[in-house]
Amino acid sequence: MSYSLIMANLQETKELAYLLASLAKEKDVIVLTGDLGTGKTAFTQSFAEKLGITQRIKSPTYTIIREYQSGRLPLYHMDVYRLNGDTESLGLEEYFEGDGICMIEWGNLIEAELPQDHLEIILEKLPDSEETRRITFKDSGNRSQKLVKQLKNLRK
């Protein structure tokens, strides 16, 4: 199932990230897909803020994985854009099965390594405005399907 929304500005996108964070549970895997500048890191920053993480959230482009432990749940923020398919040394399974939430920018590039049940969020800039985004949620299993249903119900 997929579910798409149009967000008119950054504040609406931030509120959507807050809503998703309020529903998130340990072992949730969220994949952020979108071109450069579509707001993947900004979405993660808002998500982390709602979890109660007070540290500054930076893109893990060069470090690959940043761990944040101070919130309601740990957040493992990953950026796999520069991996070139080499994921073995990262121990991704430990993160996926850990006590936190995995937020993976460019996760579509390591699709074969992802758990079957993950939520993909596709962020797209729309041509009519610099701030307008289409955000599409795609589920791939029971847990991610439940998240999408909860989001839809809360957005009514």
N, C-alpha and C. Protein backbone atom coordinates (compact mmCIF):
# COMPACT_ATOMS: atom_id res chain seq x y z
N MET A 1 0.85 -1.17 0.00
CA MET A 1 0.00 0.00 0.00
C MET A 1 0.90 1.24 0.00
N SER A 2 0.47 2.25 -0.68
CA SER A 2 1.18 3.52 -0.60
C SER A 2 0.19 4.64 -0.28
N TYR A 3 0.73 5.68 0.29
CA TYR A 3 -0.07 6.81 0.76
C TYR A 3 0.73 8.06 0.48
N SER A 4 0.17 9.01 -0.28
CA SER A 4 0.89 10.23 -0.64
C SER A 4 0.19 11.46 -0.08
N LEU A 5 1.02 12.42 0.29
CA LEU A 5 0.55 13.70 0.81
C LEU A 5 1.32 14.82 0.14
N ILE A 6 0.70 15.98 0.02
CA ILE A 6 1.40 17.18 -0.44
C ILE A 6 1.62 18.07 0.78
N MET A 7 2.86 18.40 1.04
CA MET A 7 3.22 19.29 2.14
C MET A 7 3.59 20.64 1.53
N ALA A 8 2.89 21.68 1.94
CA ALA A 8 3.06 23.01 1.34
C ALA A 8 4.35 23.71 1.78
N ASN A 9 4.86 23.32 2.96
CA ASN A 9 6.04 24.02 3.46
C ASN A 9 6.78 23.13 4.45
N LEU A 10 7.91 23.64 4.92
CA LEU A 10 8.75 22.89 5.85
C LEU A 10 8.02 22.59 7.16
N GLN A 11 7.21 23.51 7.63
CA GLN A 11 6.48 23.29 8.89
C GLN A 11 5.53 22.10 8.78
N GLU A 12 4.83 21.97 7.68
CA GLU A 12 3.93 20.82 7.49
C GLU A 12 4.72 19.51 7.44
N THR A 13 5.86 19.55 6.79
CA THR A 13 6.72 18.36 6.72
C THR A 13 7.22 18.00 8.11
N LYS A 14 7.60 19.01 8.88
CA LYS A 14 8.07 18.80 10.25
C LYS A 14 6.97 18.14 11.09
N GLU A 15 5.74 18.62 10.97
CA GLU A 15 4.63 18.05 11.72
C GLU A 15 4.37 16.61 11.34
N LEU A 16 4.56 16.29 10.06
CA LEU A 16 4.39 14.91 9.61
C LEU A 16 5.47 14.01 10.22
N ALA A 17 6.70 14.50 10.28
CA ALA A 17 7.79 13.75 10.90
C ALA A 17 7.51 13.54 12.38
N TYR A 18 6.98 14.57 13.05
CA TYR A 18 6.59 14.45 14.47
C TYR A 18 5.55 13.33 14.64
N LEU A 19 4.57 13.33 13.78
CA LEU A 19 3.50 12.34 13.86
C LEU A 19 4.07 10.93 13.71
N LEU A 20 4.92 10.74 12.72
CA LEU A 20 5.52 9.43 12.51
C LEU A 20 6.37 9.02 13.71
N ALA A 21 7.13 9.95 14.26
CA ALA A 21 7.97 9.64 15.43
C ALA A 21 7.13 9.23 16.63
N SER A 22 5.95 9.82 16.77
CA SER A 22 5.09 9.47 17.90
C SER A 22 4.55 8.05 17.77
N LEU A 23 4.52 7.51 16.55
CA LEU A 23 4.02 6.16 16.29
C LEU A 23 5.13 5.11 16.26
N ALA A 24 6.36 5.55 16.11
CA ALA A 24 7.49 4.64 15.90
C ALA A 24 7.79 3.79 17.13
N LYS A 25 8.28 2.58 16.84
CA LYS A 25 8.65 1.62 17.88
C LYS A 25 10.03 1.06 17.58
N GLU A 26 10.61 0.42 18.59
CA GLU A 26 11.92 -0.19 18.36
C GLU A 26 11.84 -1.20 17.23
N LYS A 27 12.93 -1.31 16.52
CA LYS A 27 13.09 -2.19 15.36
C LYS A 27 12.41 -1.66 14.10
N ASP A 28 11.78 -0.48 14.15
CA ASP A 28 11.25 0.10 12.91
C ASP A 28 12.41 0.52 12.02
N VAL A 29 12.28 0.22 10.75
CA VAL A 29 13.28 0.61 9.76
C VAL A 29 12.58 1.52 8.76
N ILE A 30 13.11 2.74 8.65
CA ILE A 30 12.51 3.75 7.78
C ILE A 30 13.55 4.16 6.75
N VAL A 31 13.19 4.04 5.49
CA VAL A 31 14.08 4.37 4.38
C VAL A 31 13.63 5.68 3.78
N LEU A 32 14.55 6.63 3.69
CA LEU A 32 14.24 7.93 3.08
C LEU A 32 14.85 7.98 1.69
N THR A 33 13.99 8.18 0.70
CA THR A 33 14.41 8.19 -0.69
C THR A 33 14.05 9.55 -1.29
N GLY A 34 14.94 10.09 -2.09
CA GLY A 34 14.67 11.36 -2.76
C GLY A 34 15.95 11.97 -3.26
N ASP A 35 15.82 12.84 -4.23
CA ASP A 35 16.99 13.53 -4.78
C ASP A 35 17.65 14.39 -3.71
N LEU A 36 18.85 14.84 -4.02
CA LEU A 36 19.55 15.78 -3.14
C LEU A 36 18.67 17.01 -2.92
N GLY A 37 18.59 17.46 -1.68
CA GLY A 37 17.84 18.68 -1.38
C GLY A 37 16.34 18.50 -1.21
N THR A 38 15.86 17.27 -1.14
CA THR A 38 14.42 17.08 -0.98
C THR A 38 13.98 17.09 0.48
N GLY A 39 14.94 17.04 1.41
CA GLY A 39 14.58 17.16 2.81
C GLY A 39 14.73 15.91 3.65
N LYS A 40 15.54 14.96 3.22
CA LYS A 40 15.71 13.71 3.98
C LYS A 40 16.30 13.99 5.37
N THR A 41 17.34 14.79 5.42
CA THR A 41 17.96 15.09 6.71
C THR A 41 17.04 15.98 7.56
N ALA A 42 16.37 16.93 6.95
CA ALA A 42 15.43 17.78 7.70
C ALA A 42 14.30 16.95 8.29
N PHE A 43 13.82 15.98 7.55
CA PHE A 43 12.78 15.08 8.05
C PHE A 43 13.31 14.32 9.27
N THR A 44 14.54 13.82 9.17
CA THR A 44 15.16 13.09 10.27
C THR A 44 15.34 13.99 11.49
N GLN A 45 15.74 15.23 11.27
CA GLN A 45 15.93 16.17 12.38
C GLN A 45 14.62 16.36 13.16
N SER A 46 13.52 16.53 12.45
CA SER A 46 12.22 16.70 13.10
C SER A 46 11.79 15.42 13.80
N PHE A 47 12.01 14.30 13.16
CA PHE A 47 11.68 13.00 13.74
C PHE A 47 12.44 12.84 15.07
N ALA A 48 13.73 13.13 15.05
CA ALA A 48 14.56 13.01 16.25
C ALA A 48 14.13 13.97 17.35
N GLU A 49 13.76 15.17 16.96
CA GLU A 49 13.28 16.17 17.94
C GLU A 49 12.07 15.63 18.69
N LYS A 50 11.14 15.01 17.95
CA LYS A 50 9.93 14.46 18.58
C LYS A 50 10.26 13.27 19.49
N LEU A 51 11.32 12.53 19.16
CA LEU A 51 11.75 11.44 20.03
C LEU A 51 12.38 11.95 21.32
N GLY A 52 12.67 13.25 21.36
CA GLY A 52 13.30 13.83 22.54
C GLY A 52 14.81 13.86 22.48
N ILE A 53 15.36 13.69 21.31
CA ILE A 53 16.81 13.73 21.13
C ILE A 53 17.24 15.19 21.08
N THR A 54 18.14 15.56 21.95
CA THR A 54 18.55 16.96 22.07
C THR A 54 19.85 17.26 21.32
N GLN A 55 20.56 16.22 20.91
CA GLN A 55 21.79 16.45 20.15
C GLN A 55 21.47 17.02 18.78
N ARG A 56 22.43 17.72 18.21
CA ARG A 56 22.27 18.25 16.85
C ARG A 56 22.34 17.07 15.86
N ILE A 57 21.36 16.97 15.01
CA ILE A 57 21.30 15.90 14.02
C ILE A 57 21.96 16.40 12.74
N LYS A 58 23.03 15.72 12.35
CA LYS A 58 23.75 16.07 11.13
C LYS A 58 23.68 14.90 10.17
N SER A 59 23.81 15.20 8.90
CA SER A 59 23.81 14.13 7.91
C SER A 59 25.04 13.26 8.11
N PRO A 60 24.85 11.95 8.15
CA PRO A 60 25.99 11.05 8.33
C PRO A 60 26.66 10.65 7.01
N THR A 61 26.72 11.58 6.06
CA THR A 61 27.22 11.27 4.72
C THR A 61 28.59 10.61 4.76
N TYR A 62 29.50 11.13 5.56
CA TYR A 62 30.86 10.59 5.57
C TYR A 62 31.10 9.59 6.71
N THR A 63 30.33 9.68 7.77
CA THR A 63 30.49 8.73 8.88
C THR A 63 29.61 7.50 8.69
N ILE A 64 28.70 7.53 7.78
CA ILE A 64 27.75 6.47 7.41
C ILE A 64 26.65 6.29 8.47
N ILE A 65 27.02 6.14 9.75
CA ILE A 65 26.02 5.90 10.79
C ILE A 65 26.29 6.82 11.98
N ARG A 66 25.26 7.51 12.43
CA ARG A 66 25.32 8.29 13.67
C ARG A 66 24.29 7.71 14.62
N GLU A 67 24.70 7.51 15.85
CA GLU A 67 23.82 6.95 16.87
C GLU A 67 23.42 8.03 17.86
N TYR A 68 22.13 8.10 18.17
CA TYR A 68 21.60 9.05 19.13
C TYR A 68 20.83 8.26 20.18
N GLN A 69 21.28 8.34 21.43
CA GLN A 69 20.73 7.51 22.49
C GLN A 69 19.83 8.27 23.47
N SER A 70 19.74 9.58 23.36
CA SER A 70 19.13 10.37 24.43
C SER A 70 17.62 10.51 24.38
N GLY A 71 16.97 9.94 23.40
CA GLY A 71 15.52 10.13 23.27
C GLY A 71 14.71 8.98 23.83
N ARG A 72 13.42 9.01 23.54
CA ARG A 72 12.49 7.95 23.96
C ARG A 72 12.96 6.59 23.48
N LEU A 73 13.54 6.56 22.29
CA LEU A 73 14.16 5.36 21.71
C LEU A 73 15.46 5.79 21.05
N PRO A 74 16.45 4.90 20.98
CA PRO A 74 17.65 5.24 20.23
C PRO A 74 17.31 5.42 18.75
N LEU A 75 18.04 6.32 18.10
CA LEU A 75 17.89 6.54 16.67
C LEU A 75 19.23 6.26 16.01
N TYR A 76 19.19 5.39 15.00
CA TYR A 76 20.38 5.08 14.21
C TYR A 76 20.16 5.71 12.84
N HIS A 77 20.83 6.83 12.63
CA HIS A 77 20.66 7.61 11.41
C HIS A 77 21.79 7.24 10.45
N MET A 78 21.42 6.72 9.30
CA MET A 78 22.40 6.22 8.33
C MET A 78 22.25 6.94 7.01
N ASP A 79 23.38 7.09 6.33
CA ASP A 79 23.39 7.61 4.97
C ASP A 79 24.28 6.67 4.18
N VAL A 80 23.68 5.86 3.32
CA VAL A 80 24.42 4.82 2.61
C VAL A 80 24.76 5.21 1.18
N TYR A 81 24.65 6.49 0.85
CA TYR A 81 24.89 6.95 -0.52
C TYR A 81 26.29 6.59 -1.02
N ARG A 82 27.29 6.70 -0.17
CA ARG A 82 28.69 6.51 -0.58
C ARG A 82 29.20 5.08 -0.39
N LEU A 83 28.35 4.14 -0.06
CA LEU A 83 28.83 2.79 0.24
C LEU A 83 29.25 1.96 -0.97
N ASN A 84 28.71 2.22 -2.11
CA ASN A 84 29.01 1.43 -3.31
C ASN A 84 28.76 -0.06 -3.09
N GLY A 85 27.71 -0.38 -2.34
CA GLY A 85 27.32 -1.77 -2.15
C GLY A 85 28.06 -2.51 -1.05
N ASP A 86 29.07 -1.92 -0.44
CA ASP A 86 29.84 -2.59 0.62
C ASP A 86 29.18 -2.35 1.97
N THR A 87 28.30 -3.25 2.38
CA THR A 87 27.58 -3.07 3.64
C THR A 87 27.97 -4.10 4.70
N GLU A 88 28.73 -5.11 4.31
CA GLU A 88 29.06 -6.19 5.25
C GLU A 88 29.73 -5.70 6.52
N SER A 89 30.66 -4.78 6.40
CA SER A 89 31.43 -4.33 7.57
C SER A 89 30.62 -3.46 8.53
N LEU A 90 29.44 -3.04 8.14
CA LEU A 90 28.65 -2.14 8.98
C LEU A 90 27.85 -2.85 10.07
N GLY A 91 27.58 -4.13 9.90
CA GLY A 91 26.76 -4.84 10.88
C GLY A 91 25.33 -4.33 10.91
N LEU A 92 24.76 -4.10 9.75
CA LEU A 92 23.41 -3.53 9.67
C LEU A 92 22.37 -4.37 10.41
N GLU A 93 22.52 -5.70 10.36
CA GLU A 93 21.54 -6.57 11.01
C GLU A 93 21.44 -6.27 12.51
N GLU A 94 22.57 -5.93 13.12
CA GLU A 94 22.57 -5.60 14.55
C GLU A 94 21.73 -4.34 14.82
N TYR A 95 21.83 -3.38 13.92
CA TYR A 95 21.01 -2.18 14.06
C TYR A 95 19.54 -2.50 13.81
N PHE A 96 19.26 -3.28 12.76
CA PHE A 96 17.88 -3.61 12.42
C PHE A 96 17.19 -4.38 13.54
N GLU A 97 17.93 -5.20 14.24
CA GLU A 97 17.38 -6.02 15.32
C GLU A 97 17.60 -5.40 16.70
N GLY A 98 18.14 -4.20 16.74
CA GLY A 98 18.47 -3.55 18.00
C GLY A 98 17.27 -2.95 18.70
N ASP A 99 17.56 -2.10 19.67
CA ASP A 99 16.52 -1.53 20.52
C ASP A 99 16.05 -0.16 20.05
N GLY A 100 16.44 0.22 18.86
CA GLY A 100 16.09 1.56 18.38
C GLY A 100 15.39 1.55 17.03
N ILE A 101 15.42 2.72 16.41
CA ILE A 101 14.80 2.94 15.10
C ILE A 101 15.92 3.25 14.12
N CYS A 102 15.87 2.63 12.96
CA CYS A 102 16.83 2.91 11.90
C CYS A 102 16.20 3.85 10.89
N MET A 103 16.86 4.98 10.65
CA MET A 103 16.43 5.95 9.64
C MET A 103 17.55 5.97 8.60
N ILE A 104 17.28 5.48 7.39
CA ILE A 104 18.32 5.27 6.39
C ILE A 104 18.09 6.14 5.17
N GLU A 105 18.94 7.17 5.02
CA GLU A 105 18.90 7.98 3.81
C GLU A 105 19.53 7.19 2.67
N TRP A 106 18.91 7.23 1.50
CA TRP A 106 19.35 6.52 0.31
C TRP A 106 19.26 5.00 0.51
N GLY A 107 18.41 4.55 1.41
CA GLY A 107 18.28 3.13 1.70
C GLY A 107 17.87 2.29 0.50
N ASN A 108 17.26 2.92 -0.49
CA ASN A 108 16.89 2.19 -1.70
C ASN A 108 18.13 1.63 -2.42
N LEU A 109 19.31 2.18 -2.12
CA LEU A 109 20.54 1.70 -2.75
C LEU A 109 21.04 0.38 -2.14
N ILE A 110 20.51 0.01 -0.97
CA ILE A 110 20.89 -1.25 -0.33
C ILE A 110 19.65 -2.12 -0.09
N GLU A 111 18.74 -2.06 -1.00
CA GLU A 111 17.45 -2.73 -0.83
C GLU A 111 17.59 -4.21 -0.46
N ALA A 112 18.56 -4.91 -1.03
CA ALA A 112 18.74 -6.34 -0.76
C ALA A 112 19.13 -6.59 0.70
N GLU A 113 19.75 -5.62 1.35
CA GLU A 113 20.18 -5.78 2.75
C GLU A 113 19.11 -5.37 3.76
N LEU A 114 18.07 -4.69 3.31
CA LEU A 114 17.04 -4.20 4.22
C LEU A 114 16.17 -5.34 4.71
N PRO A 115 15.63 -5.21 5.93
CA PRO A 115 14.64 -6.21 6.36
C PRO A 115 13.43 -6.15 5.44
N GLN A 116 12.77 -7.25 5.28
CA GLN A 116 11.61 -7.28 4.38
C GLN A 116 10.58 -6.24 4.79
N ASP A 117 10.33 -6.10 6.08
CA ASP A 117 9.33 -5.15 6.57
C ASP A 117 10.03 -3.84 6.93
N HIS A 118 9.90 -2.88 6.05
CA HIS A 118 10.43 -1.53 6.30
C HIS A 118 9.49 -0.52 5.64
N LEU A 119 9.55 0.69 6.12
CA LEU A 119 8.72 1.76 5.57
C LEU A 119 9.60 2.65 4.71
N GLU A 120 9.23 2.81 3.45
CA GLU A 120 9.96 3.72 2.57
C GLU A 120 9.18 5.03 2.48
N ILE A 121 9.91 6.13 2.64
CA ILE A 121 9.32 7.46 2.51
C ILE A 121 10.03 8.14 1.34
N ILE A 122 9.27 8.46 0.32
CA ILE A 122 9.83 9.09 -0.88
C ILE A 122 9.48 10.58 -0.83
N LEU A 123 10.52 11.40 -0.83
CA LEU A 123 10.34 12.86 -0.81
C LEU A 123 10.65 13.42 -2.18
N GLU A 124 9.73 14.21 -2.71
CA GLU A 124 9.89 14.81 -4.03
C GLU A 124 9.58 16.29 -3.98
N LYS A 125 10.46 17.11 -4.54
CA LYS A 125 10.17 18.53 -4.70
C LYS A 125 9.18 18.66 -5.84
N LEU A 126 8.20 19.53 -5.65
CA LEU A 126 7.26 19.80 -6.74
C LEU A 126 7.69 21.08 -7.44
N PRO A 127 7.45 21.18 -8.72
CA PRO A 127 7.99 22.30 -9.50
C PRO A 127 7.39 23.67 -9.17
N ASP A 128 6.23 23.71 -8.52
CA ASP A 128 5.56 24.99 -8.30
C ASP A 128 6.13 25.80 -7.14
N SER A 129 6.95 25.19 -6.28
CA SER A 129 7.46 25.91 -5.12
C SER A 129 8.72 25.23 -4.60
N GLU A 130 9.62 26.01 -4.07
CA GLU A 130 10.84 25.45 -3.47
C GLU A 130 10.53 24.64 -2.22
N GLU A 131 9.45 24.97 -1.52
CA GLU A 131 9.12 24.30 -0.25
C GLU A 131 8.11 23.16 -0.38
N THR A 132 7.36 23.11 -1.46
CA THR A 132 6.31 22.10 -1.61
C THR A 132 6.92 20.73 -1.90
N ARG A 133 6.44 19.73 -1.16
CA ARG A 133 6.92 18.36 -1.33
C ARG A 133 5.74 17.40 -1.46
N ARG A 134 5.96 16.38 -2.27
CA ARG A 134 5.07 15.22 -2.25
C ARG A 134 5.81 14.18 -1.41
N ILE A 135 5.13 13.66 -0.42
CA ILE A 135 5.73 12.64 0.43
C ILE A 135 4.87 11.39 0.30
N THR A 136 5.51 10.32 -0.14
CA THR A 136 4.82 9.06 -0.36
C THR A 136 5.37 8.01 0.61
N PHE A 137 4.46 7.34 1.29
CA PHE A 137 4.81 6.27 2.22
C PHE A 137 4.49 4.95 1.53
N LYS A 138 5.48 4.04 1.49
CA LYS A 138 5.29 2.71 0.91
C LYS A 138 5.63 1.67 1.95
N ASP A 139 4.65 0.82 2.27
CA ASP A 139 4.90 -0.23 3.24
C ASP A 139 5.33 -1.51 2.53
N SER A 140 5.96 -2.40 3.31
CA SER A 140 6.44 -3.66 2.73
C SER A 140 6.21 -4.85 3.65
N GLY A 141 5.38 -4.68 4.66
CA GLY A 141 5.11 -5.77 5.60
C GLY A 141 4.09 -5.33 6.63
N ASN A 142 3.82 -6.20 7.58
CA ASN A 142 2.77 -5.94 8.57
C ASN A 142 3.02 -4.68 9.39
N ARG A 143 4.22 -4.53 9.93
CA ARG A 143 4.51 -3.37 10.80
C ARG A 143 4.44 -2.07 10.01
N SER A 144 5.07 -2.03 8.85
CA SER A 144 5.06 -0.79 8.07
C SER A 144 3.65 -0.49 7.56
N GLN A 145 2.88 -1.51 7.25
CA GLN A 145 1.49 -1.31 6.83
C GLN A 145 0.69 -0.68 7.97
N LYS A 146 0.94 -1.16 9.19
CA LYS A 146 0.25 -0.60 10.35
C LYS A 146 0.61 0.87 10.54
N LEU A 147 1.88 1.21 10.35
CA LEU A 147 2.29 2.62 10.46
C LEU A 147 1.57 3.50 9.45
N VAL A 148 1.49 3.03 8.21
CA VAL A 148 0.82 3.81 7.16
C VAL A 148 -0.66 3.99 7.50
N LYS A 149 -1.32 2.94 7.97
CA LYS A 149 -2.73 3.04 8.35
C LYS A 149 -2.92 4.03 9.50
N GLN A 150 -2.03 3.97 10.50
CA GLN A 150 -2.13 4.91 11.62
C GLN A 150 -1.93 6.34 11.14
N LEU A 151 -0.97 6.57 10.28
CA LEU A 151 -0.76 7.92 9.73
C LEU A 151 -2.00 8.43 9.00
N LYS A 152 -2.56 7.58 8.16
CA LYS A 152 -3.77 7.96 7.41
C LYS A 152 -4.90 8.33 8.36
N ASN A 153 -5.10 7.52 9.38
CA ASN A 153 -6.19 7.77 10.33
C ASN A 153 -5.96 9.06 11.11
N LEU A 154 -4.75 9.32 11.50
CA LEU A 154 -4.47 10.53 12.27
C LEU A 154 -4.49 11.80 11.41
N ARG A 155 -4.30 11.66 10.11
CA ARG A 155 -4.31 12.82 9.21
C ARG A 155 -5.70 13.19 8.73
N LYS A 156 -6.71 12.38 9.04
CA LYS A 156 -8.09 12.67 8.58
C LYS A 156 -8.66 13.88 9.26
